[in-house]
Amino acid sequence: MLRVGLTGGIASGKSTVAARMRELGLTVMNADLLAHQLMEPGQPAYDEIVREFGHGILAADGTVDRKKLGDIVFRDPARRERLNAIVHPRVIAAREEQFGQMEAENPRGLAIVEAALLIEAGYYKKLDRLIVCSCRPEQQLERLRARGLSEEDARQRIAAQLPLEEKLRLADDVVDCSGTLDETRRQTDALVGRLRQRATQQSATLGLAPGKK
């Protein structure tokens, strides 16, 4: 199975590309959503996060208030690293389990994992290809402001990630999301076609003939 990573700077268009890939029939795992699920009460990371950051980060219903937690970790790199140390290993283990299940069901298939910190966590090294979504820095700021963040908070979130230029240097494929939605979709459609062809070629190289499992 061809394993492909999808990442990019915050507000760079990654979610738009992922949504289009799903429309085209691809399996796209959302690692950020998985991380949120692992932080829910009763899940592996919950107790450790509460011990580390205190009950002040909890909402009235006992769930982790991600805004309160974000206000802490985006202002303090050391606390952010501690949160990542709690969450990332568990996300990676769950992601590997999902990949294994999908590969057992369709070894000739193609699966995408979408994650904001795919490179920062080092997981991109386990993948066959890496897609990076990009846009202009001022667009990132505008999009985050449109989500209700202050300019200060928006800049903190951008600064908390690896600079986009460094991500682009590691990319096998790039989707430029600085233009119109239609332009982004056209690029994504073409890329999906290439990825499907590559997955077919890989299975042929591995001797996985059609119908063989």
Protein backbone atom coordinates (compact mmCIF):
# COMPACT_ATOMS: atom_id res chain seq x y z
CA MET A 1 0.00 0.00 0.00
CA LEU A 2 1.21 3.47 -0.85
CA ARG A 3 1.35 5.58 2.32
CA VAL A 4 1.21 9.32 1.69
CA GLY A 5 1.43 12.22 4.12
CA LEU A 6 -0.50 15.47 3.71
CA THR A 7 0.65 18.50 5.67
CA GLY A 8 1.34 22.22 5.43
CA GLY A 9 1.45 25.32 7.53
CA ILE A 10 -1.59 26.20 9.61
CA ALA A 11 -4.39 27.67 7.45
CA SER A 12 -2.47 26.74 4.31
CA GLY A 13 -5.31 24.81 2.64
CA LYS A 14 -4.56 21.31 3.92
CA SER A 15 -8.13 20.61 5.02
CA THR A 16 -9.49 21.76 1.65
CA VAL A 17 -7.17 19.40 -0.19
CA ALA A 18 -8.04 16.54 2.17
CA ALA A 19 -11.75 17.13 1.64
CA ARG A 20 -11.31 17.02 -2.14
CA MET A 21 -9.32 13.79 -1.87
CA ARG A 22 -12.18 12.23 0.09
CA GLU A 23 -14.62 13.38 -2.60
CA LEU A 24 -12.44 11.54 -5.13
CA GLY A 25 -12.73 8.33 -3.10
CA LEU A 26 -9.43 8.27 -1.24
CA THR A 27 -9.07 7.17 2.37
CA VAL A 28 -7.76 10.18 4.33
CA MET A 29 -6.97 9.73 8.01
CA ASN A 30 -7.12 12.91 10.07
CA ALA A 31 -4.33 12.60 12.64
CA ASP A 32 -5.30 15.88 14.33
CA LEU A 33 -8.84 14.57 14.91
CA LEU A 34 -7.34 11.35 16.23
CA ALA A 35 -5.26 13.38 18.70
CA HIS A 36 -8.40 15.14 19.90
CA GLN A 37 -10.13 11.79 20.39
CA LEU A 38 -7.20 10.48 22.45
CA MET A 39 -7.59 13.49 24.75
CA GLU A 40 -11.20 12.71 25.63
CA PRO A 41 -12.11 11.43 29.14
CA GLY A 42 -11.33 7.75 29.47
CA GLN A 43 -8.86 7.83 26.57
CA PRO A 44 -5.11 7.20 26.92
CA ALA A 45 -3.81 10.77 27.00
CA TYR A 46 -6.52 12.40 29.11
CA ASP A 47 -5.29 11.67 32.63
CA GLU A 48 -1.69 12.51 31.81
CA ILE A 49 -2.67 15.85 30.24
CA VAL A 50 -4.78 16.79 33.26
CA ARG A 51 -1.93 15.87 35.63
CA GLU A 52 0.50 17.94 33.58
CA PHE A 53 -1.61 21.04 32.95
CA GLY A 54 -4.09 21.00 35.81
CA HIS A 55 -7.87 20.96 36.10
CA GLY A 56 -7.98 24.58 34.92
CA ILE A 57 -7.85 23.37 31.31
CA LEU A 58 -11.12 21.44 31.68
CA ALA A 59 -14.52 22.56 30.49
CA ALA A 60 -17.59 22.29 32.72
CA ASP A 61 -18.36 18.80 31.38
CA GLY A 62 -14.87 17.53 32.27
CA THR A 63 -13.53 17.44 28.73
CA VAL A 64 -10.29 19.17 27.76
CA ASP A 65 -11.01 22.72 26.63
CA ARG A 66 -8.65 22.91 23.66
CA LYS A 67 -8.75 26.70 23.61
CA LYS A 68 -7.59 26.91 27.23
CA LEU A 69 -4.90 24.33 26.55
CA GLY A 70 -3.88 26.13 23.38
CA ASP A 71 -3.53 29.42 25.22
CA ILE A 72 -0.94 27.71 27.45
CA VAL A 73 1.08 25.73 24.93
CA PHE A 74 1.24 28.33 22.15
CA ARG A 75 2.77 30.81 24.57
CA ASP A 76 5.30 28.41 26.09
CA PRO A 77 7.42 26.18 23.82
CA ALA A 78 8.47 23.96 26.76
CA ARG A 79 4.85 23.24 27.69
CA ARG A 80 4.05 22.64 24.01
CA GLU A 81 6.85 20.11 23.78
CA ARG A 82 5.50 18.39 26.88
CA LEU A 83 2.01 18.14 25.35
CA ASN A 84 3.46 16.74 22.13
CA ALA A 85 5.44 14.18 24.13
CA ILE A 86 2.20 12.98 25.70
CA VAL A 87 0.06 12.94 22.58
CA HIS A 88 2.31 12.17 19.59
CA PRO A 89 3.48 8.63 20.54
CA ARG A 90 -0.13 7.58 21.11
CA VAL A 91 -1.26 9.13 17.83
CA ILE A 92 1.53 7.38 15.95
CA ALA A 93 0.65 4.01 17.49
CA ALA A 94 -3.04 4.42 16.61
CA ARG A 95 -2.14 5.59 13.09
CA GLU A 96 0.13 2.60 12.51
CA GLU A 97 -2.69 0.31 13.62
CA GLN A 98 -5.06 1.95 11.14
CA PHE A 99 -2.51 1.69 8.34
CA GLY A 100 -1.99 -1.99 9.14
CA GLN A 101 -5.71 -2.71 8.97
CA MET A 102 -6.08 -0.91 5.66
CA GLU A 103 -3.07 -2.62 4.14
CA ALA A 104 -4.38 -6.03 5.19
CA GLU A 105 -7.67 -5.25 3.45
CA ASN A 106 -6.13 -3.71 0.33
CA PRO A 107 -2.36 -4.14 -0.08
CA ARG A 108 -2.51 -2.47 -3.51
CA GLY A 109 -4.31 0.57 -2.12
CA LEU A 110 -3.50 4.18 -1.41
CA ALA A 111 -3.98 5.88 1.97
CA ILE A 112 -3.42 9.48 3.03
CA VAL A 113 -2.64 10.68 6.54
CA GLU A 114 -3.43 14.34 7.14
CA ALA A 115 -1.57 16.02 10.02
CA ALA A 116 -0.42 19.52 10.86
CA LEU A 117 2.76 18.31 12.61
CA LEU A 118 3.63 15.41 10.35
CA ILE A 119 7.15 16.70 9.82
CA GLU A 120 7.69 18.09 13.31
CA ALA A 121 6.81 14.70 14.82
CA GLY A 122 9.21 12.93 12.43
CA TYR A 123 6.47 10.64 11.15
CA TYR A 124 7.00 11.70 7.53
CA LYS A 125 10.06 9.43 7.48
CA LYS A 126 7.76 6.40 7.73
CA LEU A 127 5.80 7.40 4.62
CA ASP A 128 6.33 6.76 0.92
CA ARG A 129 5.55 10.31 -0.18
CA LEU A 130 4.92 13.71 1.36
CA ILE A 131 2.48 16.35 0.08
CA VAL A 132 2.85 19.90 1.38
CA CYS A 133 0.11 22.51 0.96
CA SER A 134 1.26 26.11 0.71
CA CYS A 135 -0.04 29.65 0.48
CA ARG A 136 1.33 33.12 1.05
CA PRO A 137 2.16 34.07 4.68
CA GLU A 138 -0.28 36.97 4.63
CA GLN A 139 -3.02 34.54 3.56
CA GLN A 140 -2.31 32.32 6.56
CA LEU A 141 -2.71 35.32 8.83
CA GLU A 142 -5.91 36.46 7.10
CA ARG A 143 -7.46 32.99 7.30
CA LEU A 144 -6.64 32.62 10.98
CA ARG A 145 -8.07 36.05 11.74
CA ALA A 146 -11.22 34.99 9.88
CA ARG A 147 -11.47 32.04 12.29
CA GLY A 148 -11.71 34.47 15.17
CA LEU A 149 -8.09 34.55 16.36
CA SER A 150 -6.41 37.80 17.32
CA GLU A 151 -3.39 38.79 15.26
CA GLU A 152 -1.12 37.93 18.19
CA ASP A 153 -2.64 34.47 18.61
CA ALA A 154 -2.52 33.85 14.86
CA ARG A 155 1.17 34.75 14.70
CA GLN A 156 1.92 32.53 17.70
CA ARG A 157 0.29 29.54 16.01
CA ILE A 158 2.17 30.14 12.78
CA ALA A 159 5.46 30.51 14.68
CA ALA A 160 4.80 27.28 16.62
CA GLN A 161 5.18 25.24 13.45
CA LEU A 162 8.19 24.54 11.29
CA PRO A 163 8.58 27.35 8.71
CA LEU A 164 6.77 26.55 5.48
CA GLU A 165 9.99 26.93 3.48
CA GLU A 166 11.52 24.03 5.41
CA LYS A 167 8.44 21.87 4.87
CA LEU A 168 8.51 22.58 1.16
CA ARG A 169 12.12 21.39 0.96
CA LEU A 170 10.98 17.95 2.16
CA ALA A 171 7.97 17.73 -0.14
CA ASP A 172 7.59 15.19 -2.92
CA ASP A 173 4.48 17.01 -4.14
CA VAL A 174 3.19 20.54 -3.52
CA VAL A 175 -0.33 21.91 -3.78
CA ASP A 176 -0.39 25.69 -4.09
CA CYS A 177 -3.52 26.84 -2.24
CA SER A 178 -2.93 30.56 -2.70
CA GLY A 179 -5.30 30.82 -5.67
CA THR A 180 -8.99 30.10 -6.13
CA LEU A 181 -10.78 27.06 -4.77
CA ASP A 182 -11.17 25.73 -8.31
CA GLU A 183 -7.42 26.04 -8.90
CA THR A 184 -6.72 24.11 -5.70
CA ARG A 185 -9.17 21.40 -6.71
CA ARG A 186 -7.64 21.07 -10.19
CA GLN A 187 -4.19 20.60 -8.69
CA THR A 188 -5.56 18.05 -6.22
CA ASP A 189 -7.38 16.11 -8.95
CA ALA A 190 -4.19 15.88 -11.01
CA LEU A 191 -2.16 14.84 -7.99
CA VAL A 192 -4.63 12.10 -7.03
CA GLY A 193 -4.35 10.72 -10.54
CA ARG A 194 -0.57 10.56 -10.23
CA LEU A 195 -0.74 8.96 -6.80
CA ARG A 196 -3.12 6.27 -8.00
CA GLN A 197 -0.78 5.50 -10.87
CA ARG A 198 2.16 5.32 -8.47
CA ALA A 199 0.24 2.97 -6.16
CA THR A 200 -0.47 0.69 -9.12
CA GLN A 201 3.17 0.74 -10.16
CA GLN A 202 4.32 -0.01 -6.63
CA SER A 203 2.01 -3.01 -6.33
CA ALA A 204 3.28 -4.31 -9.67
CA THR A 205 6.87 -3.96 -8.47
CA LEU A 206 6.01 -5.91 -5.34
CA GLY A 207 4.36 -8.62 -7.41
CA LEU A 208 0.83 -7.89 -6.20
CA ALA A 209 -1.19 -8.82 -9.24
CA PRO A 210 -4.83 -7.67 -9.47
CA GLY A 211 -6.96 -9.78 -7.16
CA LYS A 212 -3.99 -10.98 -5.13
CA LYS A 213 -3.91 -10.29 -1.36
